[in-house]
PDB file of N, CA and C in Angstrom:
ATOM      1  N   MET A   1      10.734  26.882 -27.306  1.00  0.00           N
ATOM      2  CA  MET A   1       9.950  26.147 -26.347  1.00  0.00           C
ATOM      3  C   MET A   1       8.468  26.453 -26.508  1.00  0.00           C
ATOM      4  N   ALA A   2       8.135  27.692 -26.830  1.00  0.00           N
ATOM      5  CA  ALA A   2       6.726  28.070 -26.972  1.00  0.00           C
ATOM      6  C   ALA A   2       6.056  27.293 -28.096  1.00  0.00           C
ATOM      7  N   SER A   3       6.801  27.033 -29.174  1.00  0.00           N
ATOM      8  CA  SER A   3       6.186  26.310 -30.284  1.00  0.00           C
ATOM      9  C   SER A   3       5.833  24.881 -29.894  1.00  0.00           C
ATOM     10  N   SER A   4       6.671  24.234 -29.072  1.00  0.00           N
ATOM     11  CA  SER A   4       6.335  22.872 -28.662  1.00  0.00           C
ATOM     12  C   SER A   4       5.126  22.873 -27.739  1.00  0.00           C
ATOM     13  N   SER A   5       4.978  23.906 -26.922  1.00  0.00           N
ATOM     14  CA  SER A   5       3.804  23.993 -26.059  1.00  0.00           C
ATOM     15  C   SER A   5       2.534  24.140 -26.878  1.00  0.00           C
ATOM     16  N   SER A   6       2.584  24.993 -27.903  1.00  0.00           N
ATOM     17  CA  SER A   6       1.375  25.202 -28.694  1.00  0.00           C
ATOM     18  C   SER A   6       1.043  23.961 -29.517  1.00  0.00           C
ATOM     19  N   SER A   7       2.055  23.263 -30.053  1.00  0.00           N
ATOM     20  CA  SER A   7       1.753  22.056 -30.803  1.00  0.00           C
ATOM     21  C   SER A   7       1.240  20.967 -29.872  1.00  0.00           C
ATOM     22  N   SER A   8       1.802  20.864 -28.691  1.00  0.00           N
ATOM     23  CA  SER A   8       1.318  19.905 -27.703  1.00  0.00           C
ATOM     24  C   SER A   8      -0.119  20.227 -27.318  1.00  0.00           C
ATOM     25  N   HIS A   9      -0.410  21.510 -27.183  1.00  0.00           N
ATOM     26  CA  HIS A   9      -1.757  21.943 -26.820  1.00  0.00           C
ATOM     27  C   HIS A   9      -2.764  21.569 -27.900  1.00  0.00           C
ATOM     28  N   SER A  10      -2.397  21.744 -29.166  1.00  0.00           N
ATOM     29  CA  SER A  10      -3.339  21.424 -30.236  1.00  0.00           C
ATOM     30  C   SER A  10      -3.555  19.913 -30.345  1.00  0.00           C
ATOM     31  N   ILE A  11      -2.527  19.120 -30.094  1.00  0.00           N
ATOM     32  CA  ILE A  11      -2.688  17.668 -30.091  1.00  0.00           C
ATOM     33  C   ILE A  11      -3.636  17.277 -28.964  1.00  0.00           C
ATOM     34  N   HIS A  12      -3.461  17.889 -27.823  1.00  0.00           N
ATOM     35  CA  HIS A  12      -4.316  17.593 -26.677  1.00  0.00           C
ATOM     36  C   HIS A  12      -5.772  17.944 -26.983  1.00  0.00           C
ATOM     37  N   ASN A  13      -5.998  19.068 -27.588  1.00  0.00           N
ATOM     38  CA  ASN A  13      -7.372  19.455 -27.923  1.00  0.00           C
ATOM     39  C   ASN A  13      -7.998  18.473 -28.906  1.00  0.00           C
ATOM     40  N   THR A  14      -7.227  18.022 -29.883  1.00  0.00           N
ATOM     41  CA  THR A  14      -7.731  17.057 -30.846  1.00  0.00           C
ATOM     42  C   THR A  14      -8.101  15.757 -30.156  1.00  0.00           C
ATOM     43  N   SER A  15      -7.247  15.297 -29.235  1.00  0.00           N
ATOM     44  CA  SER A  15      -7.523  14.030 -28.571  1.00  0.00           C
ATOM     45  C   SER A  15      -8.765  14.137 -27.692  1.00  0.00           C
ATOM     46  N   ARG A  16      -9.005  15.267 -27.106  1.00  0.00           N
ATOM     47  CA  ARG A  16     -10.180  15.435 -26.257  1.00  0.00           C
ATOM     48  C   ARG A  16     -11.463  15.368 -27.075  1.00  0.00           C
ATOM     49  N   GLN A  17     -11.396  15.709 -28.343  1.00  0.00           N
ATOM     50  CA  GLN A  17     -12.577  15.639 -29.202  1.00  0.00           C
ATOM     51  C   GLN A  17     -12.914  14.189 -29.555  1.00  0.00           C
ATOM     52  N   SER A  18     -11.912  13.328 -29.638  1.00  0.00           N
ATOM     53  CA  SER A  18     -12.109  11.951 -30.059  1.00  0.00           C
ATOM     54  C   SER A  18     -12.221  10.968 -28.900  1.00  0.00           C
ATOM     55  N   TRP A  19     -11.657  11.306 -27.757  1.00  0.00           N
ATOM     56  CA  TRP A  19     -11.555  10.390 -26.637  1.00  0.00           C
ATOM     57  C   TRP A  19     -12.055  11.050 -25.362  1.00  0.00           C
ATOM     58  N   ASN A  20     -12.531  10.259 -24.414  1.00  0.00           N
ATOM     59  CA  ASN A  20     -12.892  10.801 -23.107  1.00  0.00           C
ATOM     60  C   ASN A  20     -11.672  10.932 -22.200  1.00  0.00           C
ATOM     61  N   TYR A  21     -10.669  10.101 -22.421  1.00  0.00           N
ATOM     62  CA  TYR A  21      -9.440  10.137 -21.626  1.00  0.00           C
ATOM     63  C   TYR A  21      -8.247  10.117 -22.564  1.00  0.00           C
ATOM     64  N   ASP A  22      -7.216  10.824 -22.189  1.00  0.00           N
ATOM     65  CA  ASP A  22      -5.968  10.752 -22.938  1.00  0.00           C
ATOM     66  C   ASP A  22      -5.221   9.469 -22.577  1.00  0.00           C
ATOM     67  N   VAL A  23      -5.231   9.131 -21.280  1.00  0.00           N
ATOM     68  CA  VAL A  23      -4.453   8.000 -20.773  1.00  0.00           C
ATOM     69  C   VAL A  23      -5.318   7.150 -19.852  1.00  0.00           C
ATOM     70  N   PHE A  24      -5.199   5.847 -19.997  1.00  0.00           N
ATOM     71  CA  PHE A  24      -5.773   4.890 -19.059  1.00  0.00           C
ATOM     72  C   PHE A  24      -4.610   4.242 -18.326  1.00  0.00           C
ATOM     73  N   LEU A  25      -4.586   4.364 -16.995  1.00  0.00           N
ATOM     74  CA  LEU A  25      -3.523   3.747 -16.198  1.00  0.00           C
ATOM     75  C   LEU A  25      -3.959   2.352 -15.774  1.00  0.00           C
ATOM     76  N   SER A  26      -3.165   1.361 -16.123  1.00  0.00           N
ATOM     77  CA  SER A  26      -3.406  -0.011 -15.710  1.00  0.00           C
ATOM     78  C   SER A  26      -2.285  -0.411 -14.756  1.00  0.00           C
ATOM     79  N   PHE A  27      -2.665  -0.901 -13.575  1.00  0.00           N
ATOM     80  CA  PHE A  27      -1.673  -1.237 -12.559  1.00  0.00           C
ATOM     81  C   PHE A  27      -2.287  -2.188 -11.543  1.00  0.00           C
ATOM     82  N   ARG A  28      -1.451  -2.882 -10.821  1.00  0.00           N
ATOM     83  CA  ARG A  28      -1.893  -3.743  -9.723  1.00  0.00           C
ATOM     84  C   ARG A  28      -1.944  -2.873  -8.478  1.00  0.00           C
ATOM     85  N   GLY A  29      -3.153  -2.588  -8.007  1.00  0.00           N
ATOM     86  CA  GLY A  29      -3.346  -1.657  -6.900  1.00  0.00           C
ATOM     87  C   GLY A  29      -2.583  -2.007  -5.650  1.00  0.00           C
ATOM     88  N   GLU A  30      -2.598  -3.267  -5.261  1.00  0.00           N
ATOM     89  CA  GLU A  30      -1.908  -3.684  -4.037  1.00  0.00           C
ATOM     90  C   GLU A  30      -0.412  -3.413  -4.114  1.00  0.00           C
ATOM     91  N   ASP A  31       0.145  -3.485  -5.309  1.00  0.00           N
ATOM     92  CA  ASP A  31       1.591  -3.323  -5.484  1.00  0.00           C
ATOM     93  C   ASP A  31       2.023  -1.864  -5.556  1.00  0.00           C
ATOM     94  N   THR A  32       1.251  -1.042  -6.265  1.00  0.00           N
ATOM     95  CA  THR A  32       1.785   0.279  -6.635  1.00  0.00           C
ATOM     96  C   THR A  32       0.859   1.465  -6.417  1.00  0.00           C
ATOM     97  N   ARG A  33      -0.407   1.241  -6.013  1.00  0.00           N
ATOM     98  CA  ARG A  33      -1.384   2.337  -5.955  1.00  0.00           C
ATOM     99  C   ARG A  33      -0.914   3.508  -5.087  1.00  0.00           C
ATOM    100  N   LYS A  34      -0.453   3.244  -3.903  1.00  0.00           N
ATOM    101  CA  LYS A  34      -0.107   4.320  -2.960  1.00  0.00           C
ATOM    102  C   LYS A  34       1.343   4.766  -3.061  1.00  0.00           C
ATOM    103  N   THR A  35       2.054   4.260  -4.043  1.00  0.00           N
ATOM    104  CA  THR A  35       3.458   4.645  -4.201  1.00  0.00           C
ATOM    105  C   THR A  35       3.677   5.194  -5.608  1.00  0.00           C
ATOM    106  N   PHE A  36       4.251   4.393  -6.466  1.00  0.00           N
ATOM    107  CA  PHE A  36       4.629   4.838  -7.800  1.00  0.00           C
ATOM    108  C   PHE A  36       3.456   5.395  -8.603  1.00  0.00           C
ATOM    109  N   VAL A  37       2.328   4.690  -8.628  1.00  0.00           N
ATOM    110  CA  VAL A  37       1.200   5.101  -9.471  1.00  0.00           C
ATOM    111  C   VAL A  37       0.618   6.434  -9.002  1.00  0.00           C
ATOM    112  N   ASP A  38       0.540   6.663  -7.702  1.00  0.00           N
ATOM    113  CA  ASP A  38       0.056   7.962  -7.224  1.00  0.00           C
ATOM    114  C   ASP A  38       0.949   9.095  -7.715  1.00  0.00           C
ATOM    115  N   HIS A  39       2.254   8.896  -7.663  1.00  0.00           N
ATOM    116  CA  HIS A  39       3.190   9.928  -8.147  1.00  0.00           C
ATOM    117  C   HIS A  39       3.080  10.107  -9.658  1.00  0.00           C
ATOM    118  N   LEU A  40       2.987   9.000 -10.385  1.00  0.00           N
ATOM    119  CA  LEU A  40       2.840   9.061 -11.837  1.00  0.00           C
ATOM    120  C   LEU A  40       1.556   9.789 -12.221  1.00  0.00           C
ATOM    121  N   TYR A  41       0.449   9.419 -11.599  1.00  0.00           N
ATOM    122  CA  TYR A  41      -0.849  10.041 -11.889  1.00  0.00           C
ATOM    123  C   TYR A  41      -0.795  11.544 -11.633  1.00  0.00           C
ATOM    124  N   THR A  42      -0.264  11.931 -10.505  1.00  0.00           N
ATOM    125  CA  THR A  42      -0.172  13.353 -10.164  1.00  0.00           C
ATOM    126  C   THR A  42       0.649  14.112 -11.203  1.00  0.00           C
ATOM    127  N   SER A  43       1.769  13.547 -11.604  1.00  0.00           N
ATOM    128  CA  SER A  43       2.628  14.204 -12.597  1.00  0.00           C
ATOM    129  C   SER A  43       1.944  14.336 -13.948  1.00  0.00           C
ATOM    130  N   ILE A  44       1.260  13.294 -14.372  1.00  0.00           N
ATOM    131  CA  ILE A  44       0.570  13.331 -15.665  1.00  0.00           C
ATOM    132  C   ILE A  44      -0.548  14.376 -15.642  1.00  0.00           C
ATOM    133  N   VAL A  45      -1.353  14.368 -14.590  1.00  0.00           N
ATOM    134  CA  VAL A  45      -2.478  15.302 -14.482  1.00  0.00           C
ATOM    135  C   VAL A  45      -1.979  16.744 -14.408  1.00  0.00           C
ATOM    136  N   GLN A  46      -0.861  16.974 -13.729  1.00  0.00           N
ATOM    137  CA  GLN A  46      -0.306  18.330 -13.645  1.00  0.00           C
ATOM    138  C   GLN A  46       0.100  18.863 -15.011  1.00  0.00           C
ATOM    139  N   GLN A  47       0.331  17.980 -15.961  1.00  0.00           N
ATOM    140  CA  GLN A  47       0.667  18.386 -17.331  1.00  0.00           C
ATOM    141  C   GLN A  47      -0.584  18.648 -18.169  1.00  0.00           C
ATOM    142  N   GLY A  48      -1.762  18.512 -17.552  1.00  0.00           N
ATOM    143  CA  GLY A  48      -3.008  18.773 -18.269  1.00  0.00           C
ATOM    144  C   GLY A  48      -3.498  17.593 -19.088  1.00  0.00           C
ATOM    145  N   ILE A  49      -3.007  16.406 -18.772  1.00  0.00           N
ATOM    146  CA  ILE A  49      -3.391  15.204 -19.506  1.00  0.00           C
ATOM    147  C   ILE A  49      -4.516  14.522 -18.736  1.00  0.00           C
ATOM    148  N   TYR A  50      -5.663  14.357 -19.381  1.00  0.00           N
ATOM    149  CA  TYR A  50      -6.841  13.782 -18.740  1.00  0.00           C
ATOM    150  C   TYR A  50      -6.629  12.276 -18.615  1.00  0.00           C
ATOM    151  N   THR A  51      -6.531  11.798 -17.378  1.00  0.00           N
ATOM    152  CA  THR A  51      -6.090  10.441 -17.091  1.00  0.00           C
ATOM    153  C   THR A  51      -7.118   9.676 -16.279  1.00  0.00           C
ATOM    154  N   TYR A  52      -7.364   8.426 -16.677  1.00  0.00           N
ATOM    155  CA  TYR A  52      -8.269   7.548 -15.935  1.00  0.00           C
ATOM    156  C   TYR A  52      -7.448   6.712 -14.961  1.00  0.00           C
ATOM    157  N   LYS A  53      -7.774   6.844 -13.695  1.00  0.00           N
ATOM    158  CA  LYS A  53      -7.213   6.011 -12.625  1.00  0.00           C
ATOM    159  C   LYS A  53      -8.399   5.611 -11.782  1.00  0.00           C
ATOM    160  N   ASP A  54      -8.636   4.325 -11.640  1.00  0.00           N
ATOM    161  CA  ASP A  54      -9.903   3.852 -11.079  1.00  0.00           C
ATOM    162  C   ASP A  54     -10.306   4.504  -9.762  1.00  0.00           C
ATOM    163  N   ASP A  55      -9.409   4.642  -8.810  1.00  0.00           N
ATOM    164  CA  ASP A  55      -9.811   5.216  -7.521  1.00  0.00           C
ATOM    165  C   ASP A  55     -10.021   6.722  -7.585  1.00  0.00           C
ATOM    166  N   GLU A  56      -9.582   7.354  -8.649  1.00  0.00           N
ATOM    167  CA  GLU A  56      -9.788   8.796  -8.824  1.00  0.00           C
ATOM    168  C   GLU A  56     -11.000   9.088  -9.712  1.00  0.00           C
ATOM    169  N   THR A  57     -11.314   8.189 -10.615  1.00  0.00           N
ATOM    170  CA  THR A  57     -12.299   8.457 -11.652  1.00  0.00           C
ATOM    171  C   THR A  57     -13.595   7.668 -11.486  1.00  0.00           C
ATOM    172  N   LEU A  58     -13.509   6.445 -11.022  1.00  0.00           N
ATOM    173  CA  LEU A  58     -14.672   5.575 -10.905  1.00  0.00           C
ATOM    174  C   LEU A  58     -15.580   6.033  -9.765  1.00  0.00           C
ATOM    175  N   PRO A  59     -16.838   6.355 -10.068  1.00  0.00           N
ATOM    176  CA  PRO A  59     -17.760   6.765  -9.002  1.00  0.00           C
ATOM    177  C   PRO A  59     -17.985   5.627  -8.008  1.00  0.00           C
ATOM    178  N   ARG A  60     -18.033   5.969  -6.730  1.00  0.00           N
ATOM    179  CA  ARG A  60     -18.270   4.960  -5.691  1.00  0.00           C
ATOM    180  C   ARG A  60     -19.581   4.241  -5.971  1.00  0.00           C
ATOM    181  N   GLY A  61     -19.558   2.920  -5.785  1.00  0.00           N
ATOM    182  CA  GLY A  61     -20.748   2.125  -5.963  1.00  0.00           C
ATOM    183  C   GLY A  61     -20.953   1.620  -7.381  1.00  0.00           C
ATOM    184  N   GLU A  62     -20.206   2.158  -8.338  1.00  0.00           N
ATOM    185  CA  GLU A  62     -20.342   1.713  -9.728  1.00  0.00           C
ATOM    186  C   GLU A  62     -19.591   0.394  -9.908  1.00  0.00           C
ATOM    187  N   SER A  63     -20.156  -0.513 -10.667  1.00  0.00           N
ATOM    188  CA  SER A  63     -19.530  -1.799 -10.931  1.00  0.00           C
ATOM    189  C   SER A  63     -18.218  -1.580 -11.681  1.00  0.00           C
ATOM    190  N   ILE A  64     -17.148  -2.150 -11.155  1.00  0.00           N
ATOM    191  CA  ILE A  64     -15.811  -1.858 -11.685  1.00  0.00           C
ATOM    192  C   ILE A  64     -15.572  -2.467 -13.071  1.00  0.00           C
ATOM    193  N   GLY A  65     -16.051  -3.690 -13.319  1.00  0.00           N
ATOM    194  CA  GLY A  65     -15.773  -4.365 -14.592  1.00  0.00           C
ATOM    195  C   GLY A  65     -16.220  -3.594 -15.811  1.00  0.00           C
ATOM    196  N   PRO A  66     -17.525  -3.323 -15.943  1.00  0.00           N
ATOM    197  CA  PRO A  66     -17.991  -2.580 -17.121  1.00  0.00           C
ATOM    198  C   PRO A  66     -17.388  -1.178 -17.214  1.00  0.00           C
ATOM    199  N   ALA A  67     -17.189  -0.535 -16.074  1.00  0.00           N
ATOM    200  CA  ALA A  67     -16.623   0.822 -16.083  1.00  0.00           C
ATOM    201  C   ALA A  67     -15.187   0.814 -16.589  1.00  0.00           C
ATOM    202  N   LEU A  68     -14.403  -0.178 -16.178  1.00  0.00           N
ATOM    203  CA  LEU A  68     -13.013  -0.263 -16.645  1.00  0.00           C
ATOM    204  C   LEU A  68     -12.954  -0.529 -18.143  1.00  0.00           C
ATOM    205  N   LEU A  69     -13.759  -1.446 -18.611  1.00  0.00           N
ATOM    206  CA  LEU A  69     -13.757  -1.751 -20.043  1.00  0.00           C
ATOM    207  C   LEU A  69     -14.161  -0.530 -20.862  1.00  0.00           C
ATOM    208  N   LYS A  70     -15.158   0.190 -20.395  1.00  0.00           N
ATOM    209  CA  LYS A  70     -15.596   1.405 -21.087  1.00  0.00           C
ATOM    210  C   LYS A  70     -14.484   2.457 -21.095  1.00  0.00           C
ATOM    211  N   ALA A  71     -13.808   2.623 -19.953  1.00  0.00           N
ATOM    212  CA  ALA A  71     -12.724   3.604 -19.865  1.00  0.00           C
ATOM    213  C   ALA A  71     -11.570   3.243 -20.788  1.00  0.00           C
ATOM    214  N   ILE A  72     -11.258   1.958 -20.900  1.00  0.00           N
ATOM    215  CA  ILE A  72     -10.190   1.526 -21.811  1.00  0.00           C
ATOM    216  C   ILE A  72     -10.563   1.881 -23.247  1.00  0.00           C
ATOM    217  N   GLN A  73     -11.788   1.601 -23.643  1.00  0.00           N
ATOM    218  CA  GLN A  73     -12.244   1.891 -25.005  1.00  0.00           C
ATOM    219  C   GLN A  73     -12.271   3.389 -25.283  1.00  0.00           C
ATOM    220  N   GLU A  74     -12.494   4.187 -24.245  1.00  0.00           N
ATOM    221  CA  GLU A  74     -12.606   5.629 -24.405  1.00  0.00           C
ATOM    222  C   GLU A  74     -11.280   6.358 -24.191  1.00  0.00           C
ATOM    223  N   SER A  75     -10.193   5.604 -24.072  1.00  0.00           N
ATOM    224  CA  SER A  75      -8.877   6.201 -23.828  1.00  0.00           C
ATOM    225  C   SER A  75      -8.020   6.149 -25.078  1.00  0.00           C
ATOM    226  N   ARG A  76      -7.273   7.209 -25.255  1.00  0.00           N
ATOM    227  CA  ARG A  76      -6.401   7.296 -26.426  1.00  0.00           C
ATOM    228  C   ARG A  76      -5.256   6.297 -26.334  1.00  0.00           C
ATOM    229  N   ILE A  77      -4.619   6.200 -25.161  1.00  0.00           N
ATOM    230  CA  ILE A  77      -3.541   5.237 -24.935  1.00  0.00           C
ATOM    231  C   ILE A  77      -3.691   4.637 -23.541  1.00  0.00           C
ATOM    232  N   SER A  78      -3.036   3.509 -23.349  1.00  0.00           N
ATOM    233  CA  SER A  78      -2.947   2.896 -22.023  1.00  0.00           C
ATOM    234  C   SER A  78      -1.489   2.910 -21.591  1.00  0.00           C
ATOM    235  N   VAL A  79      -1.281   3.198 -20.327  1.00  0.00           N
ATOM    236  CA  VAL A  79       0.046   3.095 -19.727  1.00  0.00           C
ATOM    237  C   VAL A  79      -0.042   1.945 -18.737  1.00  0.00           C
ATOM    238  N   ILE A  80       0.756   0.925 -18.975  1.00  0.00           N
ATOM    239  CA  ILE A  80       0.747  -0.267 -18.144  1.00  0.00           C
ATOM    240  C   ILE A  80       1.923  -0.180 -17.167  1.00  0.00           C
ATOM    241  N   VAL A  81       1.617  -0.283 -15.882  1.00  0.00           N
ATOM    242  CA  VAL A  81       2.656  -0.295 -14.853  1.00  0.00           C
ATOM    243  C   VAL A  81       2.794  -1.746 -14.397  1.00  0.00           C
ATOM    244  N   PHE A  82       3.801  -2.411 -14.940  1.00  0.00           N
ATOM    245  CA  PHE A  82       4.040  -3.794 -14.548  1.00  0.00           C
ATOM    246  C   PHE A  82       4.714  -3.815 -13.185  1.00  0.00           C
ATOM    247  N   SER A  83       4.244  -4.711 -12.335  1.00  0.00           N
ATOM    248  CA  SER A  83       4.833  -4.873 -11.013  1.00  0.00           C
ATOM    249  C   SER A  83       4.977  -6.361 -10.732  1.00  0.00           C
ATOM    250  N   GLU A  84       5.561  -6.677  -9.616  1.00  0.00           N
ATOM    251  CA  GLU A  84       5.863  -8.067  -9.281  1.00  0.00           C
ATOM    252  C   GLU A  84       4.626  -8.972  -9.363  1.00  0.00           C
ATOM    253  N   ASN A  85       3.481  -8.488  -8.889  1.00  0.00           N
ATOM    254  CA  ASN A  85       2.278  -9.315  -8.836  1.00  0.00           C
ATOM    255  C   ASN A  85       1.218  -8.930  -9.867  1.00  0.00           C
ATOM    256  N   TYR A  86       1.591  -8.148 -10.869  1.00  0.00           N
ATOM    257  CA  TYR A  86       0.637  -7.695 -11.881  1.00  0.00           C
ATOM    258  C   TYR A  86      -0.102  -8.874 -12.510  1.00  0.00           C
ATOM    259  N   ALA A  87       0.638  -9.892 -12.906  1.00  0.00           N
ATOM    260  CA  ALA A  87       0.044 -11.032 -13.607  1.00  0.00           C
ATOM    261  C   ALA A  87      -0.800 -11.922 -12.703  1.00  0.00           C
ATOM    262  N   ASP A  88      -0.765 -11.699 -11.394  1.00  0.00           N
ATOM    263  CA  ASP A  88      -1.600 -12.467 -10.465  1.00  0.00           C
ATOM    264  C   ASP A  88      -3.046 -11.984 -10.471  1.00  0.00           C
ATOM    265  N   SER A  89      -3.296 -10.844 -11.064  1.00  0.00           N
ATOM    266  CA  SER A  89      -4.628 -10.242 -11.064  1.00  0.00           C
ATOM    267  C   SER A  89      -5.347 -10.517 -12.382  1.00  0.00           C
ATOM    268  N   CYS A  90      -6.514 -11.160 -12.291  1.00  0.00           N
ATOM    269  CA  CYS A  90      -7.332 -11.378 -13.499  1.00  0.00           C
ATOM    270  C   CYS A  90      -7.759 -10.054 -14.106  1.00  0.00           C
ATOM    271  N   TRP A  91      -8.067  -9.052 -13.260  1.00  0.00           N
ATOM    272  CA  TRP A  91      -8.458  -7.724 -13.761  1.00  0.00           C
ATOM    273  C   TRP A  91      -7.339  -7.122 -14.602  1.00  0.00           C
ATOM    274  N   CYS A  92      -6.123  -7.189 -14.063  1.00  0.00           N
ATOM    275  CA  CYS A  92      -4.984  -6.606 -14.785  1.00  0.00           C
ATOM    276  C   CYS A  92      -4.769  -7.304 -16.123  1.00  0.00           C
ATOM    277  N   LEU A  93      -4.863  -8.629 -16.125  1.00  0.00           N
ATOM    278  CA  LEU A  93      -4.667  -9.364 -17.369  1.00  0.00           C
ATOM    279  C   LEU A  93      -5.766  -9.057 -18.372  1.00  0.00           C
ATOM    280  N   ASP A  94      -7.000  -8.887 -17.896  1.00  0.00           N
ATOM    281  CA  ASP A  94      -8.103  -8.500 -18.789  1.00  0.00           C
ATOM    282  C   ASP A  94      -7.856  -7.110 -19.383  1.00  0.00           C
ATOM    283  N   GLU A  95      -7.391  -6.178 -18.552  1.00  0.00           N
ATOM    284  CA  GLU A  95      -7.077  -4.824 -19.051  1.00  0.00           C
ATOM    285  C   GLU A  95      -5.979  -4.889 -20.094  1.00  0.00           C
ATOM    286  N   LEU A  96      -4.968  -5.683 -19.844  1.00  0.00           N
ATOM    287  CA  LEU A  96      -3.848  -5.805 -20.760  1.00  0.00           C
ATOM    288  C   LEU A  96      -4.283  -6.388 -22.102  1.00  0.00           C
ATOM    289  N   GLU A  97      -5.196  -7.320 -22.049  1.00  0.00           N
ATOM    290  CA  GLU A  97      -5.705  -7.951 -23.267  1.00  0.00           C
ATOM    291  C   GLU A  97      -6.481  -6.964 -24.141  1.00  0.00           C
ATOM    292  N   ARG A  98      -7.166  -6.034 -23.533  1.00  0.00           N
ATOM    293  CA  ARG A  98      -7.995  -5.074 -24.263  1.00  0.00           C
ATOM    294  C   ARG A  98      -7.115  -4.110 -24.978  1.00  0.00           C
TER     295      ARG A  98
END
């Protein structure tokens, strides 16, 4: 088990050198923000994975559009949480396209 921890740790360090975020979470806030996504975000962060979630990372007052696009570009991977109304959001569809 120790060897997998050390290899995971070295992968994480490498990704931090190349990316600002390990994971970008894309989700429909009205559907999942206070339920599934909050639990997912907490679990990922507890594992030491640097994760972008707009209400946790985006500074208040900052324009959401440019900040989201920048965060997507600066993330190693995106995790998409599809929900019933995900496709109803232009923001979500734009994130998915990127």
